[in-house]
N, C-alpha and C. Protein backbone atom coordinates (compact mmCIF):
# COMPACT_ATOMS: atom_id res chain seq x y z
N MET A 1 0.86 -1.13 0.04
CA MET A 1 0.00 0.06 -0.01
C MET A 1 0.95 1.23 -0.02
N GLN A 2 0.40 2.20 -0.70
CA GLN A 2 1.17 3.45 -0.81
C GLN A 2 0.62 4.50 0.13
N THR A 3 1.45 5.22 0.86
CA THR A 3 1.00 6.27 1.78
C THR A 3 1.68 7.55 1.44
N PHE A 4 0.91 8.65 1.70
CA PHE A 4 1.45 10.00 1.50
C PHE A 4 1.03 10.89 2.62
N LYS A 5 1.86 11.89 2.89
CA LYS A 5 1.50 12.91 4.00
C LYS A 5 1.21 14.20 3.22
N GLY A 6 0.09 14.78 3.56
CA GLY A 6 -0.35 16.04 2.86
C GLY A 6 -1.22 16.93 3.68
N LYS A 7 -1.67 18.01 3.14
CA LYS A 7 -2.42 18.99 3.82
C LYS A 7 -3.86 19.04 3.25
N VAL A 8 -4.77 19.11 4.11
CA VAL A 8 -6.27 19.21 3.70
C VAL A 8 -6.46 20.57 3.14
N VAL A 9 -6.91 20.68 1.88
CA VAL A 9 -7.20 21.97 1.20
C VAL A 9 -8.62 22.26 1.00
N SER A 10 -9.46 21.14 1.11
CA SER A 10 -10.88 21.35 0.94
C SER A 10 -11.63 20.23 1.70
N ASN A 11 -12.72 20.68 2.45
CA ASN A 11 -13.57 19.70 3.19
C ASN A 11 -14.99 19.96 3.01
N LYS A 12 -15.38 20.43 1.79
CA LYS A 12 -16.71 20.88 1.49
C LYS A 12 -17.65 19.72 1.11
N MET A 13 -17.16 18.54 0.84
CA MET A 13 -17.98 17.34 0.44
C MET A 13 -18.32 16.59 1.71
N GLN A 14 -19.19 15.68 1.57
CA GLN A 14 -19.61 14.82 2.74
C GLN A 14 -18.65 13.60 2.68
N LYS A 15 -17.96 13.31 3.77
CA LYS A 15 -17.07 12.17 3.95
C LYS A 15 -15.97 12.17 2.91
N THR A 16 -15.59 13.31 2.42
CA THR A 16 -14.45 13.42 1.48
C THR A 16 -13.70 14.59 1.71
N VAL A 17 -12.34 14.56 1.62
CA VAL A 17 -11.50 15.78 1.73
C VAL A 17 -10.57 15.71 0.57
N VAL A 18 -10.04 16.88 0.17
CA VAL A 18 -9.05 16.91 -0.85
C VAL A 18 -7.78 17.19 -0.16
N VAL A 19 -6.72 16.33 -0.43
CA VAL A 19 -5.44 16.47 0.23
C VAL A 19 -4.42 16.82 -0.88
N GLU A 20 -3.62 17.87 -0.53
CA GLU A 20 -2.53 18.24 -1.47
C GLU A 20 -1.24 17.69 -0.88
N VAL A 21 -0.54 16.90 -1.72
CA VAL A 21 0.72 16.29 -1.39
C VAL A 21 1.84 17.03 -2.18
N ALA A 22 2.78 17.60 -1.50
CA ALA A 22 3.85 18.36 -2.17
C ALA A 22 5.20 17.60 -1.97
N ARG A 23 5.96 17.57 -3.08
CA ARG A 23 7.32 16.97 -3.10
C ARG A 23 8.28 17.82 -3.81
N LEU A 24 9.60 17.55 -3.55
CA LEU A 24 10.62 18.29 -4.25
C LEU A 24 11.39 17.30 -5.18
N LYS A 25 11.58 17.76 -6.44
CA LYS A 25 12.26 17.04 -7.50
C LYS A 25 13.37 17.86 -8.04
N GLN A 26 14.46 17.21 -8.31
CA GLN A 26 15.68 17.87 -8.81
C GLN A 26 15.52 17.93 -10.35
N HIS A 27 15.77 19.11 -10.93
CA HIS A 27 15.77 19.30 -12.41
C HIS A 27 17.01 18.53 -12.98
N PRO A 28 16.79 17.63 -14.03
CA PRO A 28 17.82 16.88 -14.51
C PRO A 28 19.04 17.61 -14.99
N ILE A 29 18.89 18.77 -15.59
CA ILE A 29 19.95 19.52 -16.24
C ILE A 29 20.47 20.62 -15.29
N TYR A 30 19.49 21.49 -14.78
CA TYR A 30 19.89 22.64 -14.03
C TYR A 30 20.20 22.30 -12.50
N LYS A 31 19.81 21.14 -12.04
CA LYS A 31 20.02 20.68 -10.61
C LYS A 31 19.37 21.54 -9.55
N LYS A 32 18.40 22.27 -10.00
CA LYS A 32 17.68 23.11 -9.09
C LYS A 32 16.43 22.27 -8.63
N TYR A 33 16.07 22.40 -7.37
CA TYR A 33 14.88 21.70 -6.86
C TYR A 33 13.59 22.43 -7.15
N ILE A 34 12.64 21.67 -7.66
CA ILE A 34 11.35 22.19 -8.08
C ILE A 34 10.28 21.56 -7.22
N LYS A 35 9.38 22.45 -6.69
CA LYS A 35 8.26 22.00 -5.83
C LYS A 35 7.10 21.54 -6.71
N LEU A 36 6.74 20.24 -6.63
CA LEU A 36 5.56 19.69 -7.38
C LEU A 36 4.51 19.32 -6.35
N SER A 37 3.22 19.40 -6.79
CA SER A 37 2.17 19.05 -5.88
C SER A 37 1.11 18.30 -6.71
N ALA A 38 0.45 17.42 -5.93
CA ALA A 38 -0.63 16.65 -6.54
C ALA A 38 -1.81 16.66 -5.47
N ARG A 39 -2.98 16.59 -6.02
CA ARG A 39 -4.24 16.61 -5.14
C ARG A 39 -4.95 15.33 -5.26
N PHE A 40 -5.30 14.79 -4.12
CA PHE A 40 -6.04 13.48 -4.06
C PHE A 40 -7.36 13.70 -3.28
N LYS A 41 -8.29 13.00 -3.73
CA LYS A 41 -9.67 12.98 -2.95
C LYS A 41 -9.54 11.78 -2.05
N ALA A 42 -9.76 12.01 -0.79
CA ALA A 42 -9.64 10.88 0.28
C ALA A 42 -10.88 10.76 1.05
N HIS A 43 -11.23 9.46 1.40
CA HIS A 43 -12.41 9.21 2.27
C HIS A 43 -12.06 9.39 3.65
N VAL A 44 -13.01 10.00 4.41
CA VAL A 44 -12.85 10.18 5.82
C VAL A 44 -14.18 10.11 6.53
N GLU A 45 -14.28 9.48 7.67
CA GLU A 45 -15.59 9.23 8.32
C GLU A 45 -15.95 10.50 9.15
N GLU A 46 -15.01 11.02 9.95
CA GLU A 46 -15.36 12.28 10.71
C GLU A 46 -14.72 13.42 10.05
N PRO A 47 -15.34 14.63 10.14
CA PRO A 47 -14.87 15.82 9.45
C PRO A 47 -13.41 16.22 9.90
N VAL A 48 -12.69 16.72 8.95
CA VAL A 48 -11.31 17.21 9.23
C VAL A 48 -11.28 18.66 8.79
N GLU A 49 -10.65 19.53 9.56
CA GLU A 49 -10.55 20.94 9.21
C GLU A 49 -9.56 21.18 8.19
N GLU A 50 -9.75 22.28 7.39
CA GLU A 50 -8.85 22.70 6.36
C GLU A 50 -7.50 23.09 6.98
N GLY A 51 -6.38 22.76 6.41
CA GLY A 51 -5.10 23.15 6.98
C GLY A 51 -4.45 22.11 7.82
N LYS A 52 -5.23 21.08 8.20
CA LYS A 52 -4.66 19.99 9.02
C LYS A 52 -3.77 19.08 8.11
N THR A 53 -2.75 18.58 8.71
CA THR A 53 -1.85 17.58 8.04
C THR A 53 -2.38 16.19 8.32
N VAL A 54 -2.50 15.35 7.22
CA VAL A 54 -2.97 14.00 7.34
C VAL A 54 -2.16 12.99 6.64
N ILE A 55 -2.25 11.78 6.97
CA ILE A 55 -1.59 10.66 6.23
C ILE A 55 -2.72 9.92 5.49
N ILE A 56 -2.55 9.74 4.17
CA ILE A 56 -3.55 8.97 3.33
C ILE A 56 -2.89 7.75 2.83
N GLU A 57 -3.77 6.80 2.59
CA GLU A 57 -3.33 5.43 2.14
C GLU A 57 -4.23 5.00 0.96
N SER A 58 -3.59 4.30 0.01
CA SER A 58 -4.43 3.82 -1.17
C SER A 58 -5.30 2.71 -0.76
N THR A 59 -6.44 2.60 -1.40
CA THR A 59 -7.45 1.54 -1.10
C THR A 59 -8.01 1.17 -2.42
N LYS A 60 -8.94 0.21 -2.41
CA LYS A 60 -9.74 -0.18 -3.65
C LYS A 60 -10.61 1.08 -3.93
N PRO A 61 -11.01 1.27 -5.21
CA PRO A 61 -11.74 2.44 -5.58
C PRO A 61 -13.09 2.53 -4.74
N ILE A 62 -13.32 3.60 -4.16
CA ILE A 62 -14.56 3.85 -3.38
C ILE A 62 -15.67 4.54 -4.30
N SER A 63 -15.19 5.40 -5.16
CA SER A 63 -16.08 5.98 -6.17
C SER A 63 -15.19 6.29 -7.41
N LYS A 64 -15.81 7.09 -8.29
CA LYS A 64 -15.07 7.40 -9.64
C LYS A 64 -13.73 8.02 -9.37
N ASN A 65 -13.68 8.95 -8.45
CA ASN A 65 -12.40 9.75 -8.25
C ASN A 65 -11.75 9.45 -6.92
N LYS A 66 -12.34 8.72 -6.03
CA LYS A 66 -11.84 8.50 -4.71
C LYS A 66 -11.20 7.12 -4.60
N LYS A 67 -9.86 7.12 -4.40
CA LYS A 67 -9.13 5.77 -4.32
C LYS A 67 -8.21 5.91 -3.08
N TRP A 68 -8.39 6.81 -2.18
CA TRP A 68 -7.55 7.05 -1.04
C TRP A 68 -8.44 7.11 0.26
N ARG A 69 -7.81 6.89 1.42
CA ARG A 69 -8.52 7.19 2.64
C ARG A 69 -7.58 7.72 3.67
N VAL A 70 -8.15 8.54 4.56
CA VAL A 70 -7.37 9.16 5.63
C VAL A 70 -7.11 8.12 6.69
N VAL A 71 -5.84 7.95 7.06
CA VAL A 71 -5.40 6.98 8.05
C VAL A 71 -5.31 7.64 9.37
N LYS A 72 -4.53 8.82 9.33
CA LYS A 72 -4.21 9.45 10.64
C LYS A 72 -4.28 11.00 10.43
N ILE A 73 -4.70 11.69 11.48
CA ILE A 73 -4.70 13.17 11.49
C ILE A 73 -3.55 13.53 12.37
N LEU A 74 -2.58 14.33 11.87
CA LEU A 74 -1.40 14.74 12.59
C LEU A 74 -1.65 16.09 13.35
C-alpha cells in the first residue's frame, strides 16, 4: 500500500477531503529543486478541518475519483 503525507485543502464534500501532497524534485539539467504538488480525494468518516496535516493510504476504488482514505490526522 502506498501512503502520502499532505495538507487538507478542501472539506466541502460529505465524507471526502481533498489532500494536497507536495514533493521536491531535482531538475535533471539545472540541478535546481522544483516543488511539485498533486491533489487526491480521500475518504474520511469524521470531518477534518482545512489546513490539518493528514496521512492518506491507497485503497480499492470507493467512487469514480476516490481511491484514497485518511489513516491518521497529525
